[in-house]
Amino acid sequence: MDKRVNKENYYLDIADAVLGRSTCLRRKYGAIIVKNDEILSTGYNGAPRGRVNCNELGYCNREQLKIPSGQRYELCRSVHAEANAIISSARRDMIGGTLYLVGRDAKTNELLHDTTSCAMCRRMIINSGIERVVARIGEHDLVVTDVQEWIDQDESIQPKAENCEFC
């Protein structure tokens, strides 16, 4: 008898299918937002509507500039998967929901073991009212984050420097 997949992996499998629409040449991400066992929206990373995608251009700005992963997102053409999923749903519907996120290397299609939301997406997730983020970090591994942790551990606050006239 086949073992039935649990809900977390069921939704992560759907997010994994969504990333198949990604147009990024570096990393492909898929996200879905679920509340009360109902999928509210999906999103994948790609250029804004009407703009040319990187896969159509044949190059990635950030790769050409040798920018390390996780840095200088303003130079990227893509809207992130989480942002696209949030844009496609009303806040009143997302409050208390869960965002499921999967990432793969665009060249090898291997699962990313460091899948997490960037600082800007974390801010959008916080404002959307989503309560949990579930990210696949391996074939059988996932990490569940309570969004309240991102609120409590605000990475954007820098400690005030002593003797600083501008601080």
N, C-alpha and C. Protein backbone atom coordinates (compact mmCIF):
# COMPACT_ATOMS: atom_id res chain seq x y z
N MET A 1 0.84 -1.18 0.00
CA MET A 1 0.00 0.00 0.00
C MET A 1 0.89 1.24 0.00
N ASP A 2 0.56 2.20 -0.85
CA ASP A 2 1.32 3.44 -0.92
C ASP A 2 1.08 4.30 0.30
N LYS A 3 2.15 4.93 0.76
CA LYS A 3 2.03 5.84 1.89
C LYS A 3 1.54 7.19 1.37
N ARG A 4 0.54 7.73 2.01
CA ARG A 4 -0.05 9.01 1.60
C ARG A 4 0.88 10.15 2.02
N VAL A 5 1.14 11.08 1.11
CA VAL A 5 2.01 12.22 1.39
C VAL A 5 1.33 13.15 2.40
N ASN A 6 2.10 13.69 3.36
CA ASN A 6 1.50 14.60 4.34
C ASN A 6 1.22 15.96 3.69
N LYS A 7 0.43 16.77 4.37
CA LYS A 7 -0.01 18.06 3.80
C LYS A 7 1.16 19.00 3.51
N GLU A 8 2.15 19.05 4.42
CA GLU A 8 3.28 19.97 4.19
C GLU A 8 3.97 19.63 2.87
N ASN A 9 4.24 18.34 2.65
CA ASN A 9 4.91 17.94 1.42
C ASN A 9 4.00 18.02 0.21
N TYR A 10 2.72 17.82 0.40
CA TYR A 10 1.75 18.00 -0.68
C TYR A 10 1.82 19.43 -1.23
N TYR A 11 1.77 20.41 -0.32
CA TYR A 11 1.83 21.80 -0.76
C TYR A 11 3.21 22.18 -1.28
N LEU A 12 4.25 21.62 -0.69
CA LEU A 12 5.60 21.88 -1.21
C LEU A 12 5.76 21.29 -2.61
N ASP A 13 5.16 20.13 -2.86
CA ASP A 13 5.21 19.55 -4.20
C ASP A 13 4.52 20.46 -5.21
N ILE A 14 3.43 21.08 -4.81
CA ILE A 14 2.74 22.02 -5.71
C ILE A 14 3.61 23.24 -5.96
N ALA A 15 4.24 23.79 -4.90
CA ALA A 15 5.15 24.92 -5.08
C ALA A 15 6.31 24.54 -6.00
N ASP A 16 6.77 23.29 -5.90
CA ASP A 16 7.84 22.79 -6.76
C ASP A 16 7.37 22.77 -8.22
N ALA A 17 6.13 22.41 -8.45
CA ALA A 17 5.58 22.43 -9.81
C ALA A 17 5.46 23.87 -10.33
N VAL A 18 5.08 24.78 -9.46
CA VAL A 18 4.93 26.19 -9.84
C VAL A 18 6.26 26.76 -10.30
N LEU A 19 7.37 26.37 -9.67
CA LEU A 19 8.66 26.94 -10.06
C LEU A 19 9.05 26.56 -11.48
N GLY A 20 8.37 25.60 -12.04
CA GLY A 20 8.61 25.25 -13.44
C GLY A 20 8.29 26.39 -14.40
N ARG A 21 7.56 27.39 -13.95
CA ARG A 21 7.24 28.57 -14.76
C ARG A 21 8.29 29.67 -14.62
N SER A 22 9.23 29.51 -13.69
CA SER A 22 10.25 30.53 -13.46
C SER A 22 11.07 30.78 -14.71
N THR A 23 11.48 32.02 -14.89
CA THR A 23 12.27 32.40 -16.06
C THR A 23 13.68 32.83 -15.69
N CYS A 24 14.06 32.62 -14.43
CA CYS A 24 15.38 33.01 -13.94
C CYS A 24 16.44 32.02 -14.44
N LEU A 25 17.60 32.53 -14.76
CA LEU A 25 18.70 31.68 -15.22
C LEU A 25 19.60 31.22 -14.09
N ARG A 26 19.35 31.73 -12.88
CA ARG A 26 20.19 31.44 -11.73
C ARG A 26 19.52 30.47 -10.76
N ARG A 27 18.39 30.90 -10.23
CA ARG A 27 17.65 30.11 -9.26
C ARG A 27 16.16 30.21 -9.56
N LYS A 28 15.50 29.09 -9.49
CA LYS A 28 14.06 29.05 -9.75
C LYS A 28 13.33 28.83 -8.43
N TYR A 29 12.32 29.65 -8.19
CA TYR A 29 11.53 29.53 -6.96
C TYR A 29 10.05 29.45 -7.30
N GLY A 30 9.35 28.66 -6.50
CA GLY A 30 7.90 28.59 -6.58
C GLY A 30 7.33 28.77 -5.19
N ALA A 31 6.23 29.50 -5.11
CA ALA A 31 5.58 29.76 -3.82
C ALA A 31 4.08 29.59 -3.97
N ILE A 32 3.45 29.10 -2.92
CA ILE A 32 1.99 29.09 -2.87
C ILE A 32 1.57 29.56 -1.48
N ILE A 33 0.43 30.21 -1.44
CA ILE A 33 -0.14 30.66 -0.18
C ILE A 33 -1.40 29.84 0.08
N VAL A 34 -1.46 29.26 1.28
CA VAL A 34 -2.56 28.36 1.65
C VAL A 34 -3.17 28.85 2.96
N LYS A 35 -4.49 28.82 3.01
CA LYS A 35 -5.19 29.10 4.25
C LYS A 35 -6.41 28.18 4.32
N ASN A 36 -6.63 27.61 5.48
CA ASN A 36 -7.76 26.69 5.70
C ASN A 36 -7.79 25.59 4.65
N ASP A 37 -6.60 25.06 4.33
CA ASP A 37 -6.47 23.95 3.39
C ASP A 37 -6.93 24.31 1.98
N GLU A 38 -6.84 25.58 1.63
CA GLU A 38 -7.23 26.07 0.30
C GLU A 38 -6.10 26.92 -0.27
N ILE A 39 -5.70 26.65 -1.49
CA ILE A 39 -4.65 27.43 -2.15
C ILE A 39 -5.25 28.76 -2.58
N LEU A 40 -4.67 29.85 -2.05
CA LEU A 40 -5.14 31.20 -2.39
C LEU A 40 -4.47 31.75 -3.63
N SER A 41 -3.15 31.50 -3.77
CA SER A 41 -2.43 32.04 -4.92
C SER A 41 -1.11 31.31 -5.08
N THR A 42 -0.52 31.50 -6.23
CA THR A 42 0.79 30.92 -6.54
C THR A 42 1.68 32.02 -7.10
N GLY A 43 2.98 31.79 -7.06
CA GLY A 43 3.92 32.74 -7.64
C GLY A 43 5.24 32.07 -7.97
N TYR A 44 5.90 32.58 -8.98
CA TYR A 44 7.24 32.11 -9.35
C TYR A 44 8.05 33.34 -9.71
N ASN A 45 9.37 33.21 -9.73
CA ASN A 45 10.20 34.37 -10.02
C ASN A 45 10.38 34.56 -11.53
N GLY A 46 10.20 35.82 -11.94
CA GLY A 46 10.34 36.19 -13.34
C GLY A 46 10.18 37.69 -13.49
N ALA A 47 10.51 38.19 -14.65
CA ALA A 47 10.41 39.63 -14.92
C ALA A 47 8.97 40.10 -14.77
N PRO A 48 8.78 41.39 -14.45
CA PRO A 48 7.41 41.93 -14.37
C PRO A 48 6.66 41.73 -15.69
N ARG A 49 5.36 41.65 -15.59
CA ARG A 49 4.51 41.43 -16.78
C ARG A 49 4.86 42.44 -17.88
N GLY A 50 5.00 41.93 -19.08
CA GLY A 50 5.27 42.78 -20.23
C GLY A 50 6.75 43.03 -20.49
N ARG A 51 7.60 42.75 -19.52
CA ARG A 51 9.04 42.92 -19.72
C ARG A 51 9.66 41.61 -20.19
N VAL A 52 10.79 41.73 -20.83
CA VAL A 52 11.49 40.56 -21.34
C VAL A 52 12.12 39.79 -20.18
N ASN A 53 11.92 38.47 -20.18
CA ASN A 53 12.49 37.61 -19.15
C ASN A 53 13.96 37.30 -19.43
N CYS A 54 14.70 36.98 -18.39
CA CYS A 54 16.13 36.66 -18.54
C CYS A 54 16.35 35.47 -19.47
N ASN A 55 15.48 34.46 -19.37
CA ASN A 55 15.65 33.30 -20.24
C ASN A 55 15.46 33.67 -21.72
N GLU A 56 14.71 34.73 -22.00
CA GLU A 56 14.55 35.21 -23.37
C GLU A 56 15.73 36.08 -23.78
N LEU A 57 16.28 36.83 -22.82
CA LEU A 57 17.46 37.65 -23.09
C LEU A 57 18.69 36.77 -23.30
N GLY A 58 18.73 35.67 -22.57
CA GLY A 58 19.88 34.77 -22.66
C GLY A 58 20.99 35.09 -21.69
N TYR A 59 20.76 36.00 -20.78
CA TYR A 59 21.77 36.32 -19.77
C TYR A 59 21.11 36.87 -18.51
N CYS A 60 21.90 36.83 -17.44
CA CYS A 60 21.47 37.33 -16.13
C CYS A 60 22.37 38.51 -15.78
N ASN A 61 21.76 39.66 -15.50
CA ASN A 61 22.54 40.85 -15.13
C ASN A 61 23.46 40.57 -13.96
N ARG A 62 22.94 39.93 -12.93
CA ARG A 62 23.71 39.71 -11.71
C ARG A 62 24.85 38.72 -11.95
N GLU A 63 24.64 37.72 -12.80
CA GLU A 63 25.73 36.79 -13.13
C GLU A 63 26.82 37.50 -13.92
N GLN A 64 26.42 38.34 -14.88
CA GLN A 64 27.42 39.06 -15.68
C GLN A 64 28.28 39.97 -14.81
N LEU A 65 27.65 40.53 -13.77
CA LEU A 65 28.38 41.42 -12.86
C LEU A 65 29.06 40.65 -11.73
N LYS A 66 28.95 39.31 -11.74
CA LYS A 66 29.55 38.43 -10.72
C LYS A 66 29.11 38.79 -9.31
N ILE A 67 27.82 39.08 -9.17
CA ILE A 67 27.25 39.42 -7.86
C ILE A 67 26.89 38.12 -7.14
N PRO A 68 27.39 37.95 -5.92
CA PRO A 68 27.09 36.72 -5.17
C PRO A 68 25.59 36.59 -4.88
N SER A 69 25.17 35.35 -4.72
CA SER A 69 23.78 35.07 -4.37
C SER A 69 23.42 35.80 -3.08
N GLY A 70 22.21 36.35 -3.06
CA GLY A 70 21.72 37.03 -1.86
C GLY A 70 22.08 38.50 -1.78
N GLN A 71 22.74 39.04 -2.79
CA GLN A 71 23.16 40.44 -2.75
C GLN A 71 22.65 41.20 -3.97
N ARG A 72 22.46 42.49 -3.79
CA ARG A 72 22.15 43.45 -4.86
C ARG A 72 20.92 43.05 -5.70
N TYR A 73 19.84 42.70 -5.00
CA TYR A 73 18.62 42.30 -5.69
C TYR A 73 18.04 43.39 -6.58
N GLU A 74 18.39 44.64 -6.33
CA GLU A 74 17.86 45.73 -7.15
C GLU A 74 18.36 45.63 -8.60
N LEU A 75 19.41 44.86 -8.83
CA LEU A 75 19.93 44.68 -10.18
C LEU A 75 19.29 43.48 -10.90
N CYS A 76 18.44 42.77 -10.21
CA CYS A 76 17.76 41.61 -10.77
C CYS A 76 16.49 42.05 -11.50
N ARG A 77 16.19 41.43 -12.61
CA ARG A 77 14.99 41.75 -13.39
C ARG A 77 13.73 41.13 -12.80
N SER A 78 13.89 40.13 -11.96
CA SER A 78 12.76 39.32 -11.49
C SER A 78 12.01 39.91 -10.31
N VAL A 79 10.72 39.60 -10.29
CA VAL A 79 9.89 39.74 -9.10
C VAL A 79 9.95 38.37 -8.44
N HIS A 80 10.22 38.35 -7.14
CA HIS A 80 10.38 37.07 -6.44
C HIS A 80 9.07 36.30 -6.35
N ALA A 81 9.19 34.99 -6.19
CA ALA A 81 8.03 34.10 -6.13
C ALA A 81 7.08 34.49 -5.01
N GLU A 82 7.62 34.79 -3.83
CA GLU A 82 6.79 35.16 -2.69
C GLU A 82 6.01 36.44 -3.00
N ALA A 83 6.71 37.42 -3.59
CA ALA A 83 6.06 38.69 -3.92
C ALA A 83 4.94 38.47 -4.93
N ASN A 84 5.19 37.65 -5.95
CA ASN A 84 4.15 37.39 -6.95
C ASN A 84 2.95 36.68 -6.33
N ALA A 85 3.18 35.76 -5.40
CA ALA A 85 2.05 35.09 -4.73
C ALA A 85 1.27 36.09 -3.88
N ILE A 86 1.97 36.97 -3.17
CA ILE A 86 1.31 37.97 -2.33
C ILE A 86 0.51 38.95 -3.18
N ILE A 87 1.09 39.38 -4.28
CA ILE A 87 0.41 40.33 -5.18
C ILE A 87 -0.90 39.75 -5.70
N SER A 88 -0.94 38.44 -5.84
CA SER A 88 -2.11 37.77 -6.43
C SER A 88 -3.19 37.39 -5.43
N SER A 89 -3.08 37.86 -4.20
CA SER A 89 -4.08 37.53 -3.19
C SER A 89 -4.39 38.75 -2.34
N ALA A 90 -5.57 38.80 -1.80
CA ALA A 90 -5.98 39.91 -0.93
C ALA A 90 -5.46 39.66 0.49
N ARG A 91 -5.01 40.72 1.15
CA ARG A 91 -4.49 40.60 2.51
C ARG A 91 -5.52 39.96 3.45
N ARG A 92 -6.77 40.35 3.31
CA ARG A 92 -7.80 39.81 4.21
C ARG A 92 -7.88 38.29 4.10
N ASP A 93 -7.53 37.75 2.96
CA ASP A 93 -7.55 36.30 2.77
C ASP A 93 -6.28 35.62 3.28
N MET A 94 -5.15 36.34 3.22
CA MET A 94 -3.87 35.75 3.62
C MET A 94 -3.65 35.73 5.12
N ILE A 95 -4.32 36.59 5.86
CA ILE A 95 -4.09 36.70 7.30
C ILE A 95 -4.26 35.32 7.96
N GLY A 96 -3.20 34.87 8.62
CA GLY A 96 -3.23 33.57 9.28
C GLY A 96 -2.83 32.41 8.38
N GLY A 97 -2.48 32.70 7.14
CA GLY A 97 -2.14 31.65 6.19
C GLY A 97 -0.70 31.20 6.27
N THR A 98 -0.35 30.28 5.37
CA THR A 98 0.99 29.72 5.28
C THR A 98 1.49 29.88 3.86
N LEU A 99 2.77 30.29 3.73
CA LEU A 99 3.42 30.36 2.43
C LEU A 99 4.37 29.17 2.33
N TYR A 100 4.26 28.41 1.25
CA TYR A 100 5.14 27.28 0.97
C TYR A 100 6.10 27.70 -0.13
N LEU A 101 7.40 27.41 0.07
CA LEU A 101 8.45 27.90 -0.82
C LEU A 101 9.43 26.78 -1.18
N VAL A 102 9.72 26.67 -2.47
CA VAL A 102 10.70 25.70 -2.96
C VAL A 102 11.63 26.40 -3.93
N GLY A 103 12.92 26.08 -3.85
CA GLY A 103 13.90 26.65 -4.78
C GLY A 103 14.75 25.56 -5.41
N ARG A 104 15.14 25.80 -6.66
CA ARG A 104 16.02 24.87 -7.40
C ARG A 104 17.06 25.67 -8.17
N ASP A 105 18.22 25.08 -8.32
CA ASP A 105 19.27 25.67 -9.16
C ASP A 105 18.78 25.63 -10.61
N ALA A 106 18.86 26.75 -11.30
CA ALA A 106 18.33 26.81 -12.66
C ALA A 106 19.12 25.96 -13.65
N LYS A 107 20.40 25.76 -13.39
CA LYS A 107 21.22 24.99 -14.33
C LYS A 107 21.16 23.48 -14.08
N THR A 108 21.16 23.09 -12.80
CA THR A 108 21.21 21.66 -12.47
C THR A 108 19.85 21.09 -12.05
N ASN A 109 18.91 21.95 -11.75
CA ASN A 109 17.59 21.58 -11.24
C ASN A 109 17.66 20.92 -9.86
N GLU A 110 18.79 21.01 -9.19
CA GLU A 110 18.92 20.45 -7.84
C GLU A 110 18.20 21.35 -6.84
N LEU A 111 17.59 20.70 -5.84
CA LEU A 111 16.94 21.46 -4.76
C LEU A 111 17.97 22.32 -4.05
N LEU A 112 17.58 23.53 -3.69
CA LEU A 112 18.44 24.41 -2.92
C LEU A 112 18.28 24.07 -1.45
N HIS A 113 19.39 23.95 -0.75
CA HIS A 113 19.35 23.59 0.67
C HIS A 113 19.35 24.81 1.57
N ASP A 114 19.35 25.99 0.96
CA ASP A 114 19.36 27.24 1.73
C ASP A 114 18.13 28.10 1.41
N THR A 115 17.06 27.47 0.96
CA THR A 115 15.87 28.21 0.57
C THR A 115 15.29 28.98 1.74
N THR A 116 15.19 30.28 1.56
CA THR A 116 14.57 31.17 2.52
C THR A 116 14.19 32.44 1.78
N SER A 117 13.39 33.25 2.39
CA SER A 117 12.97 34.52 1.77
C SER A 117 14.02 35.59 2.03
N CYS A 118 14.21 36.47 1.05
CA CYS A 118 15.13 37.60 1.22
C CYS A 118 14.49 38.61 2.19
N ALA A 119 15.26 39.60 2.59
CA ALA A 119 14.78 40.60 3.55
C ALA A 119 13.55 41.34 3.03
N MET A 120 13.53 41.71 1.76
CA MET A 120 12.38 42.43 1.22
C MET A 120 11.13 41.54 1.19
N CYS A 121 11.28 40.29 0.79
CA CYS A 121 10.14 39.38 0.78
C CYS A 121 9.65 39.11 2.20
N ARG A 122 10.57 39.05 3.16
CA ARG A 122 10.16 38.86 4.55
C ARG A 122 9.28 40.03 4.99
N ARG A 123 9.63 41.23 4.60
CA ARG A 123 8.80 42.39 4.96
C ARG A 123 7.41 42.28 4.35
N MET A 124 7.35 41.84 3.10
CA MET A 124 6.04 41.68 2.45
C MET A 124 5.23 40.58 3.11
N ILE A 125 5.90 39.49 3.47
CA ILE A 125 5.21 38.38 4.15
C ILE A 125 4.66 38.86 5.49
N ILE A 126 5.46 39.61 6.23
CA ILE A 126 5.00 40.15 7.52
C ILE A 126 3.77 41.02 7.31
N ASN A 127 3.83 41.94 6.35
CA ASN A 127 2.70 42.85 6.11
C ASN A 127 1.47 42.15 5.55
N SER A 128 1.66 41.03 4.89
CA SER A 128 0.52 40.32 4.30
C SER A 128 -0.33 39.63 5.35
N GLY A 129 0.24 39.39 6.53
CA GLY A 129 -0.50 38.68 7.58
C GLY A 129 -0.27 37.19 7.58
N ILE A 130 0.58 36.70 6.69
CA ILE A 130 0.93 35.28 6.67
C ILE A 130 1.60 34.94 8.00
N GLU A 131 1.23 33.79 8.59
CA GLU A 131 1.76 33.41 9.90
C GLU A 131 2.94 32.46 9.86
N ARG A 132 3.01 31.62 8.81
CA ARG A 132 4.08 30.62 8.74
C ARG A 132 4.65 30.56 7.34
N VAL A 133 5.94 30.24 7.27
CA VAL A 133 6.58 29.96 5.99
C VAL A 133 7.20 28.57 6.10
N VAL A 134 6.88 27.71 5.14
CA VAL A 134 7.42 26.36 5.10
C VAL A 134 8.29 26.28 3.84
N ALA A 135 9.58 26.02 4.04
CA ALA A 135 10.52 25.96 2.91
C ALA A 135 11.13 24.56 2.82
N ARG A 136 11.17 24.05 1.61
CA ARG A 136 11.83 22.75 1.37
C ARG A 136 13.33 23.03 1.28
N ILE A 137 14.10 22.29 2.08
CA ILE A 137 15.56 22.48 2.08
C ILE A 137 16.29 21.18 1.74
N GLY A 138 15.59 20.22 1.22
CA GLY A 138 16.16 18.94 0.82
C GLY A 138 15.04 18.03 0.36
N GLU A 139 15.42 16.90 -0.19
CA GLU A 139 14.41 15.96 -0.71
C GLU A 139 13.36 15.62 0.34
N HIS A 140 13.80 15.45 1.59
CA HIS A 140 12.87 15.07 2.66
C HIS A 140 12.91 16.04 3.83
N ASP A 141 13.58 17.16 3.65
CA ASP A 141 13.75 18.11 4.74
C ASP A 141 13.03 19.41 4.44
N LEU A 142 12.48 19.99 5.50
CA LEU A 142 11.84 21.29 5.37
C LEU A 142 12.08 22.06 6.65
N VAL A 143 11.92 23.36 6.56
CA VAL A 143 12.03 24.22 7.73
C VAL A 143 10.75 25.04 7.82
N VAL A 144 10.20 25.09 9.03
CA VAL A 144 8.98 25.85 9.27
C VAL A 144 9.36 27.07 10.11
N THR A 145 9.01 28.24 9.61
CA THR A 145 9.32 29.49 10.32
C THR A 145 8.02 30.16 10.73
N ASP A 146 7.93 30.49 11.99
CA ASP A 146 6.84 31.31 12.49
C ASP A 146 7.20 32.75 12.14
N VAL A 147 6.40 33.42 11.36
CA VAL A 147 6.71 34.77 10.88
C VAL A 147 6.95 35.73 12.05
N GLN A 148 6.35 35.46 13.19
CA GLN A 148 6.60 36.29 14.37
C GLN A 148 8.10 36.36 14.70
N GLU A 149 8.84 35.28 14.39
CA GLU A 149 10.29 35.28 14.61
C GLU A 149 10.96 36.38 13.78
N TRP A 150 10.51 36.57 12.54
CA TRP A 150 11.08 37.62 11.68
C TRP A 150 10.74 39.01 12.22
N ILE A 151 9.59 39.11 12.85
CA ILE A 151 9.20 40.40 13.45
C ILE A 151 10.08 40.66 14.68
N ASP A 152 10.22 39.66 15.53
CA ASP A 152 10.99 39.80 16.77
C ASP A 152 12.48 39.98 16.52
N GLN A 153 13.02 39.31 15.50
CA GLN A 153 14.45 39.37 15.21
C GLN A 153 14.68 40.27 14.00
N ASP A 154 14.34 41.53 14.14
CA ASP A 154 14.38 42.51 13.05
C ASP A 154 15.83 42.78 12.62
N GLU A 155 16.20 42.18 11.47
CA GLU A 155 17.57 42.33 10.97
C GLU A 155 17.87 43.73 10.44
N SER A 156 16.86 44.54 10.28
CA SER A 156 17.08 45.88 9.71
C SER A 156 17.48 46.91 10.77
N ILE A 157 17.41 46.53 12.05
CA ILE A 157 17.80 47.46 13.11
C ILE A 157 19.27 47.25 13.43
N GLN A 158 20.03 48.31 13.26
CA GLN A 158 21.45 48.27 13.58
C GLN A 158 21.66 48.85 14.97
N PRO A 159 22.59 48.25 15.73
CA PRO A 159 22.84 48.82 17.06
C PRO A 159 23.37 50.24 16.94
N LYS A 160 22.94 51.07 17.84
CA LYS A 160 23.37 52.46 17.85
C LYS A 160 24.84 52.52 18.24
N ALA A 161 25.65 53.21 17.42
CA ALA A 161 27.07 53.34 17.70
C ALA A 161 27.30 54.41 18.77
N GLU A 162 28.24 54.12 19.65
CA GLU A 162 28.57 55.09 20.69
C GLU A 162 29.27 56.29 20.05
N ASN A 163 29.03 57.45 20.60
CA ASN A 163 29.66 58.70 20.16
C ASN A 163 29.39 59.03 18.69
N CYS A 164 28.25 58.62 18.18
CA CYS A 164 27.90 58.91 16.79
C CYS A 164 26.93 60.08 16.79
N GLU A 165 27.32 61.17 16.15
CA GLU A 165 26.45 62.36 16.15
C GLU A 165 25.24 62.21 15.24
N PHE A 166 25.24 61.21 14.34
CA PHE A 166 24.13 61.00 13.41
C PHE A 166 23.19 59.91 13.87
N CYS A 167 23.55 59.17 14.95
CA CYS A 167 22.74 58.03 15.38
C CYS A 167 21.68 58.43 16.39
